């Protein structure tokens, strides 16, 4: 049987107090999906289930072959997601959990108790826990059964403050991923030498990627970690 990976998308479609659409980011689903689909069974969930909102800005920005092909041929992947709460208590059936980035997760997954429980269950079952871009922020407030923070003492990356500044959305997010990740990890946040450069960090079973350019690398790191 192929290893099973649970992909988690946001259900949130509005960017903070701005009247702009948001959601999940096209290459951050398309690229890891492209890497993992031939080798694994992928199940996709979101807090509300059903259609998970795709950030239209990411469609305009990313015209690479993998993203465009995914957009045109894999719509069922994000239009028919299962509810996140259906996966509570099922970590042992999976090999990894992966959170797709975009600004949406900052609003509906960071403080989502079901998401936090799932992450804790996957981690304590010895499974791979992974995310890219804004999505590592969903780990910031996760507490393990012993009361310690998931990220405490672990090296981690995620969307940088310089990158958030360049996209002009510093004021739209509840907090800056770099700040949250650095605090939760005890100062062990790392990033690429230049904004938008690829950066993938593997610390044991914790895998994180900084930005869209890191999405393929995160998929490859997940594949390596689960032995496919």
Protein backbone atom coordinates (compact mmCIF):
# COMPACT_ATOMS: atom_id res chain seq x y z
CA UNK A 1 0.00 0.00 0.00
CA UNK A 2 1.18 3.47 -0.84
CA UNK A 3 1.93 5.80 2.08
CA UNK A 4 -0.90 8.20 2.90
CA UNK A 5 -0.41 11.95 3.20
CA UNK A 6 -3.06 14.33 4.55
CA UNK A 7 -2.94 17.71 2.80
CA UNK A 8 -4.67 20.57 4.66
CA UNK A 9 -6.07 23.64 2.88
CA UNK A 10 -7.59 26.80 4.31
CA UNK A 11 -11.32 27.53 4.12
CA UNK A 12 -10.74 31.28 4.58
CA UNK A 13 -11.24 33.56 1.57
CA UNK A 14 -11.00 37.17 2.79
CA UNK A 15 -7.76 39.00 3.53
CA UNK A 16 -8.05 40.42 7.02
CA UNK A 17 -9.78 43.79 7.04
CA UNK A 18 -8.94 44.40 3.38
CA UNK A 19 -11.65 43.79 0.83
CA UNK A 20 -9.44 41.37 -1.08
CA UNK A 21 -9.85 37.66 -1.74
CA UNK A 22 -7.34 35.20 -0.35
CA UNK A 23 -7.11 31.47 0.25
CA UNK A 24 -4.45 28.88 -0.52
CA UNK A 25 -1.59 29.53 -2.92
CA UNK A 26 -1.56 27.63 -6.22
CA UNK A 27 2.10 26.47 -6.47
CA UNK A 28 2.19 25.53 -2.80
CA UNK A 29 -0.40 22.83 -3.49
CA UNK A 30 0.43 22.08 -7.13
CA UNK A 31 4.17 21.50 -6.69
CA UNK A 32 4.13 19.16 -3.65
CA UNK A 33 1.12 17.35 -5.15
CA UNK A 34 3.10 16.85 -8.38
CA UNK A 35 6.00 15.36 -6.40
CA UNK A 36 3.94 13.13 -4.13
CA UNK A 37 0.96 12.01 -6.24
CA UNK A 38 2.84 9.26 -8.14
CA UNK A 39 4.22 7.77 -4.91
CA UNK A 40 1.55 8.29 -2.26
CA UNK A 41 -2.18 8.38 -1.61
CA UNK A 42 -3.15 12.02 -1.00
CA UNK A 43 -6.26 12.98 0.96
CA UNK A 44 -7.22 16.66 1.12
CA UNK A 45 -9.02 18.32 4.04
CA UNK A 46 -10.05 21.82 5.11
CA UNK A 47 -11.77 23.22 8.21
CA UNK A 48 -15.18 23.54 6.51
CA UNK A 49 -14.81 20.80 3.90
CA UNK A 50 -16.11 21.24 0.35
CA UNK A 51 -14.42 23.78 -1.90
CA UNK A 52 -11.30 25.38 -0.45
CA UNK A 53 -10.74 28.90 -1.84
CA UNK A 54 -7.86 29.34 -4.26
CA UNK A 55 -6.17 32.75 -4.01
CA UNK A 56 -6.76 34.30 -7.46
CA UNK A 57 -3.57 36.36 -7.15
CA UNK A 58 -1.53 33.14 -7.13
CA UNK A 59 -3.16 32.03 -10.39
CA UNK A 60 -2.06 35.29 -12.03
CA UNK A 61 1.43 35.15 -10.57
CA UNK A 62 2.37 31.54 -11.26
CA UNK A 63 2.19 30.35 -14.86
CA UNK A 64 4.72 27.51 -14.65
CA UNK A 65 3.72 24.25 -16.34
CA UNK A 66 3.11 22.31 -13.12
CA UNK A 67 0.86 25.00 -11.64
CA UNK A 68 -1.11 25.58 -14.86
CA UNK A 69 -1.59 21.86 -15.48
CA UNK A 70 -2.76 21.35 -11.90
CA UNK A 71 -5.17 24.28 -12.17
CA UNK A 72 -6.66 22.89 -15.38
CA UNK A 73 -6.83 19.18 -14.55
CA UNK A 74 -7.04 18.74 -10.78
CA UNK A 75 -9.93 20.96 -9.69
CA UNK A 76 -11.58 18.09 -7.81
CA UNK A 77 -8.60 18.11 -5.43
CA UNK A 78 -9.63 21.42 -3.85
CA UNK A 79 -13.33 21.51 -4.71
CA UNK A 80 -14.18 18.34 -2.78
CA UNK A 81 -12.16 18.51 0.41
CA UNK A 82 -13.13 16.54 3.49
CA UNK A 83 -13.78 18.21 6.85
CA UNK A 84 -10.72 18.45 9.05
CA UNK A 85 -12.50 17.09 12.12
CA UNK A 86 -13.06 13.77 10.32
CA UNK A 87 -9.36 12.99 10.77
CA UNK A 88 -9.08 13.37 14.53
CA UNK A 89 -7.79 10.14 16.05
CA UNK A 90 -6.62 8.76 12.69
CA UNK A 91 -2.95 9.79 12.66
CA UNK A 92 -1.83 6.17 12.78
CA UNK A 93 -3.45 5.61 9.36
CA UNK A 94 -1.22 8.26 7.77
CA UNK A 95 2.48 8.85 7.17
CA UNK A 96 2.49 12.65 7.04
CA UNK A 97 0.41 15.78 7.35
CA UNK A 98 1.15 18.80 5.13
CA UNK A 99 -0.26 22.31 5.40
CA UNK A 100 -0.46 24.32 2.16
CA UNK A 101 0.39 28.01 2.38
CA UNK A 102 -1.31 31.19 1.26
CA UNK A 103 -2.56 33.92 3.59
CA UNK A 104 -5.76 32.00 4.40
CA UNK A 105 -4.23 29.65 7.02
CA UNK A 106 -3.20 32.68 9.09
CA UNK A 107 -6.89 33.30 9.77
CA UNK A 108 -8.58 29.91 10.14
CA UNK A 109 -5.88 27.39 11.04
CA UNK A 110 -3.46 29.07 13.47
CA UNK A 111 -5.89 28.98 16.40
CA UNK A 112 -8.07 26.13 15.14
CA UNK A 113 -8.32 23.62 18.00
CA UNK A 114 -9.05 20.71 15.65
CA UNK A 115 -5.97 21.53 13.59
CA UNK A 116 -3.84 21.82 16.72
CA UNK A 117 -5.12 18.46 17.95
CA UNK A 118 -4.35 16.82 14.60
CA UNK A 119 -0.82 18.23 14.54
CA UNK A 120 -0.24 17.00 18.09
CA UNK A 121 -1.61 13.54 17.25
CA UNK A 122 0.51 13.21 14.11
CA UNK A 123 3.64 14.41 15.91
CA UNK A 124 3.18 12.14 18.92
CA UNK A 125 2.50 9.18 16.60
CA UNK A 126 5.91 9.78 15.01
CA UNK A 127 4.53 11.05 11.71
CA UNK A 128 5.94 13.75 9.46
CA UNK A 129 4.52 17.22 10.18
CA UNK A 130 5.11 19.74 7.39
CA UNK A 131 4.08 23.09 5.92
CA UNK A 132 5.18 25.74 3.43
CA UNK A 133 5.21 29.58 3.25
CA UNK A 134 2.57 31.07 5.61
CA UNK A 135 1.40 27.67 6.74
CA UNK A 136 4.23 26.92 9.23
CA UNK A 137 2.47 29.62 11.30
CA UNK A 138 -0.16 26.97 12.13
CA UNK A 139 2.49 25.28 14.32
CA UNK A 140 3.17 28.37 16.45
CA UNK A 141 0.53 27.73 19.12
CA UNK A 142 0.54 23.91 19.08
CA UNK A 143 1.17 22.37 22.48
CA UNK A 144 2.17 18.73 22.96
CA UNK A 145 0.67 16.43 25.59
CA UNK A 146 3.41 17.35 28.07
CA UNK A 147 2.56 21.05 27.72
CA UNK A 148 5.66 21.96 25.72
CA UNK A 149 5.42 23.86 22.45
CA UNK A 150 5.78 21.80 19.26
CA UNK A 151 8.34 24.24 17.85
CA UNK A 152 10.33 24.83 21.03
CA UNK A 153 14.02 24.30 20.24
CA UNK A 154 13.36 23.23 16.65
CA UNK A 155 14.81 24.85 13.54
CA UNK A 156 12.03 26.13 11.32
CA UNK A 157 11.39 28.43 8.37
CA UNK A 158 8.38 30.18 6.85
CA UNK A 159 7.41 33.34 4.98
CA UNK A 160 9.85 36.09 5.92
CA UNK A 161 9.08 39.62 7.04
CA UNK A 162 11.02 40.95 4.05
CA UNK A 163 8.78 38.94 1.73
CA UNK A 164 5.61 40.08 3.51
CA UNK A 165 6.82 43.68 3.16
CA UNK A 166 7.43 43.23 -0.56
CA UNK A 167 3.91 41.90 -1.18
CA UNK A 168 2.52 44.83 0.83
CA UNK A 169 0.49 42.77 3.28
CA UNK A 170 2.22 43.49 6.59
CA UNK A 171 -0.96 45.07 7.97
CA UNK A 172 -3.32 42.38 6.68
CA UNK A 173 -2.02 39.40 8.67
CA UNK A 174 -2.75 38.78 12.38
CA UNK A 175 1.00 38.45 13.01
CA UNK A 176 4.14 38.09 10.91
CA UNK A 177 5.08 34.43 10.40
CA UNK A 178 8.79 35.13 10.90
CA UNK A 179 8.14 36.75 14.30
CA UNK A 180 5.78 34.02 15.46
CA UNK A 181 8.02 31.19 14.32
CA UNK A 182 11.13 32.77 15.82
CA UNK A 183 9.44 33.24 19.19
CA UNK A 184 7.86 29.78 19.31
CA UNK A 185 11.12 28.05 18.35
CA UNK A 186 13.24 29.98 20.84
CA UNK A 187 15.11 31.95 18.18
CA UNK A 188 15.67 29.09 15.73
CA UNK A 189 13.87 30.57 12.71
CA UNK A 190 16.07 30.55 9.59
CA UNK A 191 15.59 31.88 6.05
CA UNK A 192 17.20 32.03 2.62
CA UNK A 193 19.98 34.54 2.02
CA UNK A 194 17.70 36.57 -0.25
CA UNK A 195 13.91 37.07 -0.24
CA UNK A 196 12.09 34.54 -2.44
CA UNK A 197 15.07 32.16 -2.42
CA UNK A 198 14.41 28.47 -1.83
CA UNK A 199 14.75 27.33 1.79
CA UNK A 200 13.63 23.95 3.10
CA UNK A 201 14.36 22.95 6.70
CA UNK A 202 14.18 19.40 8.02
CA UNK A 203 14.44 19.02 11.80
CA UNK A 204 13.64 15.41 12.58
CA UNK A 205 10.03 14.83 11.50
CA UNK A 206 9.35 18.58 11.18
CA UNK A 207 9.62 19.89 7.60
CA UNK A 208 9.09 23.53 6.66
CA UNK A 209 9.53 25.63 3.52
CA UNK A 210 9.91 29.40 3.33
CA UNK A 211 7.97 30.46 0.24
CA UNK A 212 6.53 29.35 -3.13
CA UNK A 213 10.01 28.57 -4.46
CA UNK A 214 10.40 26.04 -1.65
CA UNK A 215 7.21 24.07 -2.37
CA UNK A 216 8.78 21.44 -4.62
CA UNK A 217 11.61 20.99 -2.14
CA UNK A 218 9.14 20.45 0.70
CA UNK A 219 7.38 17.79 -1.36
CA UNK A 220 10.71 16.09 -2.01
CA UNK A 221 11.65 16.28 1.68
CA UNK A 222 8.32 14.69 2.66
CA UNK A 223 8.88 11.91 0.12
CA UNK A 224 12.35 11.24 1.50
CA UNK A 225 11.14 11.29 5.10
CA UNK A 226 8.41 8.71 4.44
CA UNK A 227 10.69 6.55 2.32
CA UNK A 228 9.26 6.93 -1.18
